[in-house]
Amino acid sequence: MNYLKLIHNCNDLRDGQRCNWIKQEYNWILVNFENIAVQSLEDFIGYVLGKLKLQNDDKDLDNLTEPTIILMDNIKFGLELSESSEKNY
């Protein structure tokens, strides 16, 4: 996932490799659902907002000027956590 985040970086290009295919800046967030910090919906939202340097407030969302790409790893693990937490309620 880090490769995807850095693929548009123009340092260390191979012969014939382009780096101009992304025309604007993006926020990149890497989420691994095996990370304890994102194992509940509330924690996930807090994690994403923290990476964007935003508070959990609609007013802050107006300050988000760049698109955001969220890359998720181990989604199956996250879905299994979600299913097990629903059973506990």
Protein backbone atom coordinates (compact mmCIF):
# COMPACT_ATOMS: atom_id res chain seq x y z
CA MET A 1 0.00 0.00 0.00
CA ASN A 2 2.87 2.37 0.64
CA TYR A 3 3.93 1.81 -2.96
CA LEU A 4 0.57 3.11 -4.18
CA LYS A 5 0.84 6.12 -1.91
CA LEU A 6 4.28 7.02 -3.28
CA ILE A 7 3.89 5.95 -6.92
CA HIS A 8 3.37 9.52 -8.11
CA ASN A 9 6.55 10.73 -6.38
CA CYS A 10 8.95 11.86 -9.10
CA ASN A 11 12.10 10.85 -7.23
CA ASP A 12 13.91 7.68 -8.29
CA LEU A 13 12.05 7.05 -11.55
CA ARG A 14 12.98 4.12 -13.78
CA ASP A 15 13.56 4.69 -17.51
CA GLY A 16 10.25 5.47 -19.20
CA GLN A 17 8.34 5.71 -15.93
CA ARG A 18 5.93 8.63 -15.69
CA CYS A 19 4.98 10.51 -12.57
CA ASN A 20 2.61 13.12 -13.95
CA TRP A 21 -0.54 11.01 -14.05
CA ILE A 22 -1.92 12.49 -10.83
CA LYS A 23 -2.64 16.14 -11.56
CA GLN A 24 -3.44 17.35 -8.06
CA GLU A 25 -2.53 16.77 -4.44
CA TYR A 26 -4.38 14.09 -2.50
CA ASN A 27 -4.59 13.12 1.12
CA TRP A 28 -3.50 9.48 1.45
CA ILE A 29 -4.62 7.40 4.41
CA LEU A 30 -3.44 3.83 4.91
CA VAL A 31 -5.73 1.72 7.12
CA ASN A 32 -4.84 -1.78 8.28
CA PHE A 33 -7.78 -3.32 10.12
CA GLU A 34 -5.46 -5.54 12.15
CA ASN A 35 -4.31 -2.30 13.82
CA ILE A 36 -6.03 -2.03 17.21
CA ALA A 37 -6.51 1.71 16.60
CA VAL A 38 -9.19 1.07 13.94
CA GLN A 39 -11.04 -1.98 15.22
CA SER A 40 -14.33 -0.23 15.94
CA LEU A 41 -16.34 2.17 13.82
CA GLU A 42 -15.75 5.01 16.26
CA ASP A 43 -12.01 4.33 16.32
CA PHE A 44 -11.90 4.09 12.52
CA ILE A 45 -13.64 7.46 12.10
CA GLY A 46 -11.38 9.03 14.71
CA TYR A 47 -8.31 7.57 13.00
CA VAL A 48 -9.28 8.91 9.58
CA LEU A 49 -10.19 12.34 10.95
CA GLY A 50 -6.92 12.42 12.90
CA LYS A 51 -4.91 11.65 9.76
CA LEU A 52 -6.74 14.51 8.05
CA LYS A 53 -6.04 16.74 11.07
CA LEU A 54 -9.78 17.31 11.52
CA GLN A 55 -12.04 17.15 14.52
CA ASN A 56 -15.29 15.17 14.53
CA ASP A 57 -17.18 18.30 13.57
CA ASP A 58 -18.99 19.21 10.37
CA LYS A 59 -17.38 22.66 10.40
CA ASP A 60 -13.92 21.12 10.05
CA LEU A 61 -15.00 19.17 6.97
CA ASP A 62 -15.37 22.50 5.15
CA ASN A 63 -11.61 22.95 5.59
CA LEU A 64 -10.86 19.77 3.66
CA THR A 65 -9.71 21.15 0.32
CA GLU A 66 -7.97 18.13 -1.22
CA PRO A 67 -9.54 14.81 -2.21
CA THR A 68 -8.72 11.86 0.01
CA ILE A 69 -7.76 8.32 -0.97
CA ILE A 70 -8.19 5.72 1.76
CA LEU A 71 -6.30 2.48 1.14
CA MET A 72 -7.57 -0.37 3.29
CA ASP A 73 -5.72 -3.58 4.11
CA ASN A 74 -7.08 -6.69 5.84
CA ILE A 75 -10.68 -5.63 5.20
CA LYS A 76 -11.90 -9.17 5.88
CA PHE A 77 -10.50 -8.89 9.41
CA GLY A 78 -12.36 -5.60 9.90
CA LEU A 79 -15.63 -7.08 8.63
CA GLU A 80 -15.29 -10.05 10.96
CA LEU A 81 -14.78 -7.66 13.88
CA SER A 82 -17.86 -5.73 12.84
CA GLU A 83 -19.96 -8.90 12.67
CA SER A 84 -18.78 -10.12 16.09
CA SER A 85 -19.44 -6.75 17.75
CA GLU A 86 -23.00 -6.72 16.34
CA LYS A 87 -23.63 -10.13 17.92
CA ASN A 88 -22.62 -8.77 21.31
CA TYR A 89 -25.38 -6.14 21.33
